[in-house]
Each structure stands twice: as structure tokens, then as C-alpha cells.
Amino acid sequence: MPTLPKVSARKYEALEKALTSQRDELSVRLNTRLGEVFVDREPDDEAALASDSTSKDLAVATLERERRMLDQVKTALERIKSGDYGICESCGGPIPDARLRALPWAKVCIRCAERAQTWASAAD
């Protein structure tokens, strides 16, 4: 497994700015959405209860998705600072710049991501 030298954070300066902006936006959005899940009163009837329950379920699912994305963005920023950004965590090879522009929090190259997806599909 080849190991690439650590990369200077300057190479990924534009992506770091975009990730920082996305991190800040997600943090604000998560704090705002937390208020949507809070219940301060009970619904008046069964229809209102069902509607309220559906709304809460959607809000919780969105909150969880955004929380996972925030974690991925924070990890990508840490990898930039440590010099490990752009290096596949699985094979140690380079992650193409096109993949990083499309998915800035990518931890693995396309080949390793496809391999992992194939294994996951085979396990199902």
C-alpha cells in the first residue's frame, strides 16, 4: 500500500474556505432545527397528532443527516490541518481533485469507495 507524503494545507485553501463556510452554516441550521423538534403542547386530536408526529419525524431525520454531514466536514477540516487531506484512508493513494471538489469531505478514492459499496451490497 503506497503512502503519499503529507500535503500542504495551502493546496486546498479554497476547499478549506468552502468547508469552513459549510461547517458554520450547518452549525447554525442544526441549532435552528433543534427548536423544530421541541414540543411545547399536545395536539388537540388524532389528525393533529399524526401530522405533528410526521413533522417531527421529518425534522429528526433532517437533523440527523445534517449532523452527520457536519461531522464529515469537521473531519475534512482536521485532515487538511494534519496534511492527510486528499489521501485515501483505505489504500493510501491520492484522492483525485475532481472528487474532492465534488465531495470535499471524501476520505477514500473512487476505487475504494466503489469496492466498499460492492461489499456492502453483497452483504445485504
C-alpha atoms as a PDB file:
ATOM      1  CA  MET A   1       0.000   0.000   0.000  1.00  0.00           C
ATOM      2  CA  PRO A   2       1.741   3.205  -1.158  1.00  0.00           C
ATOM      3  CA  THR A   3       1.819   6.080   1.257  1.00  0.00           C
ATOM      4  CA  LEU A   4       1.821   9.614  -0.055  1.00  0.00           C
ATOM      5  CA  PRO A   5       3.659  12.427   1.687  1.00  0.00           C
ATOM      6  CA  LYS A   6       1.539  14.819   3.698  1.00  0.00           C
ATOM      7  CA  VAL A   7       0.090  17.649   1.628  1.00  0.00           C
ATOM      8  CA  SER A   8       0.404  21.339   2.409  1.00  0.00           C
ATOM      9  CA  ALA A   9      -2.867  22.928   3.526  1.00  0.00           C
ATOM     10  CA  ARG A  10      -2.217  25.735   1.009  1.00  0.00           C
ATOM     11  CA  LYS A  11      -3.001  23.354  -1.863  1.00  0.00           C
ATOM     12  CA  TYR A  12      -6.538  23.003  -0.535  1.00  0.00           C
ATOM     13  CA  GLU A  13      -7.023  26.582   0.672  1.00  0.00           C
ATOM     14  CA  ALA A  14     -10.146  27.179  -1.474  1.00  0.00           C
ATOM     15  CA  LEU A  15     -11.715  23.893  -0.368  1.00  0.00           C
ATOM     16  CA  GLU A  16     -10.848  24.697   3.245  1.00  0.00           C
ATOM     17  CA  LYS A  17     -12.687  28.028   2.972  1.00  0.00           C
ATOM     18  CA  ALA A  18     -15.713  26.306   1.421  1.00  0.00           C
ATOM     19  CA  LEU A  19     -15.693  23.615   4.110  1.00  0.00           C
ATOM     20  CA  THR A  20     -15.376  26.223   6.877  1.00  0.00           C
ATOM     21  CA  SER A  21     -18.316  28.135   5.448  1.00  0.00           C
ATOM     22  CA  GLN A  22     -20.343  24.940   5.165  1.00  0.00           C
ATOM     23  CA  ARG A  23     -19.446  23.978   8.747  1.00  0.00           C
ATOM     24  CA  ASP A  24     -20.628  27.342  10.048  1.00  0.00           C
ATOM     25  CA  GLU A  25     -23.851  27.204   8.020  1.00  0.00           C
ATOM     26  CA  LEU A  26     -24.626  23.657   9.154  1.00  0.00           C
ATOM     27  CA  SER A  27     -23.995  24.581  12.794  1.00  0.00           C
ATOM     28  CA  VAL A  28     -26.472  27.448  12.600  1.00  0.00           C
ATOM     29  CA  ARG A  29     -29.014  25.320  10.725  1.00  0.00           C
ATOM     30  CA  LEU A  30     -28.725  22.479  13.268  1.00  0.00           C
ATOM     31  CA  ASN A  31     -29.306  24.829  16.190  1.00  0.00           C
ATOM     32  CA  THR A  32     -32.339  26.285  14.418  1.00  0.00           C
ATOM     33  CA  ARG A  33     -33.781  22.855  13.607  1.00  0.00           C
ATOM     34  CA  LEU A  34     -33.434  21.692  17.201  1.00  0.00           C
ATOM     35  CA  GLY A  35     -36.251  24.092  18.030  1.00  0.00           C
ATOM     36  CA  GLU A  36     -38.480  22.424  15.422  1.00  0.00           C
ATOM     37  CA  VAL A  37     -38.286  19.096  17.250  1.00  0.00           C
ATOM     38  CA  PHE A  38     -39.192  20.546  20.644  1.00  0.00           C
ATOM     39  CA  VAL A  39     -42.877  20.137  21.609  1.00  0.00           C
ATOM     40  CA  ASP A  40     -44.413  22.718  23.877  1.00  0.00           C
ATOM     41  CA  ARG A  41     -48.035  21.483  23.667  1.00  0.00           C
ATOM     42  CA  GLU A  42     -50.003  18.339  22.931  1.00  0.00           C
ATOM     43  CA  PRO A  43     -52.049  18.132  19.696  1.00  0.00           C
ATOM     44  CA  ASP A  44     -55.828  18.541  20.056  1.00  0.00           C
ATOM     45  CA  ASP A  45     -56.984  15.459  18.115  1.00  0.00           C
ATOM     46  CA  GLU A  46     -55.703  12.318  16.363  1.00  0.00           C
ATOM     47  CA  ALA A  47     -55.256  14.044  12.991  1.00  0.00           C
ATOM     48  CA  ALA A  48     -53.193  16.774  14.576  1.00  0.00           C
ATOM     49  CA  LEU A  49     -51.214  14.136  16.481  1.00  0.00           C
ATOM     50  CA  ALA A  50     -50.460  12.233  13.249  1.00  0.00           C
ATOM     51  CA  SER A  51     -49.470  15.415  11.438  1.00  0.00           C
ATOM     52  CA  ASP A  52     -47.313  16.547  14.349  1.00  0.00           C
ATOM     53  CA  SER A  53     -45.652  13.135  14.557  1.00  0.00           C
ATOM     54  CA  THR A  54     -44.855  13.128  10.833  1.00  0.00           C
ATOM     55  CA  SER A  55     -43.429  16.622  11.011  1.00  0.00           C
ATOM     56  CA  LYS A  56     -41.243  15.664  13.964  1.00  0.00           C
ATOM     57  CA  ASP A  57     -40.032  12.514  12.215  1.00  0.00           C
ATOM     58  CA  LEU A  58     -39.012  14.531   9.160  1.00  0.00           C
ATOM     59  CA  ALA A  59     -37.314  17.162  11.302  1.00  0.00           C
ATOM     60  CA  VAL A  60     -35.389  14.491  13.239  1.00  0.00           C
ATOM     61  CA  ALA A  61     -34.303  12.749  10.017  1.00  0.00           C
ATOM     62  CA  THR A  62     -33.115  16.062   8.568  1.00  0.00           C
ATOM     63  CA  LEU A  63     -31.354  16.923  11.818  1.00  0.00           C
ATOM     64  CA  GLU A  64     -29.541  13.583  11.832  1.00  0.00           C
ATOM     65  CA  ARG A  65     -28.500  13.895   8.175  1.00  0.00           C
ATOM     66  CA  GLU A  66     -27.137  17.393   8.765  1.00  0.00           C
ATOM     67  CA  ARG A  67     -25.370  16.302  11.959  1.00  0.00           C
ATOM     68  CA  ARG A  68     -23.589  13.515  10.049  1.00  0.00           C
ATOM     69  CA  MET A  69     -22.635  15.973   7.309  1.00  0.00           C
ATOM     70  CA  LEU A  70     -21.298  18.431   9.904  1.00  0.00           C
ATOM     71  CA  ASP A  71     -19.155  15.650  11.394  1.00  0.00           C
ATOM     72  CA  GLN A  72     -17.791  14.820   7.922  1.00  0.00           C
ATOM     73  CA  VAL A  73     -16.997  18.477   7.227  1.00  0.00           C
ATOM     74  CA  LYS A  74     -15.205  18.850  10.585  1.00  0.00           C
ATOM     75  CA  THR A  75     -13.190  15.700   9.898  1.00  0.00           C
ATOM     76  CA  ALA A  76     -12.202  17.019   6.459  1.00  0.00           C
ATOM     77  CA  LEU A  77     -11.010  20.284   8.037  1.00  0.00           C
ATOM     78  CA  GLU A  78      -8.944  18.313  10.568  1.00  0.00           C
ATOM     79  CA  ARG A  79      -7.434  16.258   7.715  1.00  0.00           C
ATOM     80  CA  ILE A  80      -6.454  19.480   5.905  1.00  0.00           C
ATOM     81  CA  LYS A  81      -4.714  20.765   9.028  1.00  0.00           C
ATOM     82  CA  SER A  82      -2.892  17.467   9.606  1.00  0.00           C
ATOM     83  CA  GLY A  83      -1.816  17.174   5.960  1.00  0.00           C
ATOM     84  CA  ASP A  84      -3.786  13.958   5.378  1.00  0.00           C
ATOM     85  CA  TYR A  85      -6.454  15.574   3.193  1.00  0.00           C
ATOM     86  CA  GLY A  86      -6.561  14.186  -0.340  1.00  0.00           C
ATOM     87  CA  ILE A  87      -5.034  10.878   0.720  1.00  0.00           C
ATOM     88  CA  CYS A  88      -7.267   7.787   0.653  1.00  0.00           C
ATOM     89  CA  GLU A  89      -7.725   6.339   4.142  1.00  0.00           C
ATOM     90  CA  SER A  90      -8.102   2.877   2.666  1.00  0.00           C
ATOM     91  CA  CYS A  91      -5.310   2.432   0.096  1.00  0.00           C
ATOM     92  CA  GLY A  92      -3.096   5.454   0.856  1.00  0.00           C
ATOM     93  CA  GLY A  93      -3.280   6.669  -2.736  1.00  0.00           C
ATOM     94  CA  PRO A  94      -4.314  10.135  -3.873  1.00  0.00           C
ATOM     95  CA  ILE A  95      -7.954  11.181  -3.988  1.00  0.00           C
ATOM     96  CA  PRO A  96      -8.438  12.974  -7.329  1.00  0.00           C
ATOM     97  CA  ASP A  97      -9.026  16.731  -7.082  1.00  0.00           C
ATOM     98  CA  ALA A  98     -12.245  16.347  -9.108  1.00  0.00           C
ATOM     99  CA  ARG A  99     -13.647  14.011  -6.421  1.00  0.00           C
ATOM    100  CA  LEU A 100     -12.618  16.413  -3.659  1.00  0.00           C
ATOM    101  CA  ARG A 101     -14.306  19.315  -5.446  1.00  0.00           C
ATOM    102  CA  ALA A 102     -17.486  17.251  -5.864  1.00  0.00           C
ATOM    103  CA  LEU A 103     -17.377  15.723  -2.370  1.00  0.00           C
ATOM    104  CA  PRO A 104     -14.993  17.816  -0.244  1.00  0.00           C
ATOM    105  CA  TRP A 105     -15.288  15.525   2.785  1.00  0.00           C
ATOM    106  CA  ALA A 106     -14.323  12.373   0.815  1.00  0.00           C
ATOM    107  CA  LYS A 107     -11.995  10.135   2.820  1.00  0.00           C
ATOM    108  CA  VAL A 108     -11.428   7.481   0.171  1.00  0.00           C
ATOM    109  CA  CYS A 109     -10.672   7.401  -3.535  1.00  0.00           C
ATOM    110  CA  ILE A 110     -13.346   6.373  -6.020  1.00  0.00           C
ATOM    111  CA  ARG A 111     -11.974   2.839  -6.425  1.00  0.00           C
ATOM    112  CA  CYS A 112     -12.039   2.178  -2.656  1.00  0.00           C
ATOM    113  CA  ALA A 113     -15.498   3.768  -2.330  1.00  0.00           C
ATOM    114  CA  GLU A 114     -16.816   1.527  -5.116  1.00  0.00           C
ATOM    115  CA  ARG A 115     -15.178  -1.512  -3.526  1.00  0.00           C
ATOM    116  CA  ALA A 116     -16.779  -0.713  -0.163  1.00  0.00           C
ATOM    117  CA  GLN A 117     -20.163  -0.218  -1.814  1.00  0.00           C
ATOM    118  CA  THR A 118     -19.838  -3.538  -3.640  1.00  0.00           C
ATOM    119  CA  TRP A 119     -19.011  -5.308  -0.376  1.00  0.00           C
ATOM    120  CA  ALA A 120     -21.949  -3.634   1.370  1.00  0.00           C
ATOM    121  CA  SER A 121     -24.290  -4.669  -1.440  1.00  0.00           C
ATOM    122  CA  ALA A 122     -23.019  -8.246  -1.308  1.00  0.00           C
ATOM    123  CA  ALA A 123     -23.625  -8.355   2.448  1.00  0.00           C
ATOM    124  CA  ASP A 124     -27.293  -7.391   2.014  1.00  0.00           C
END
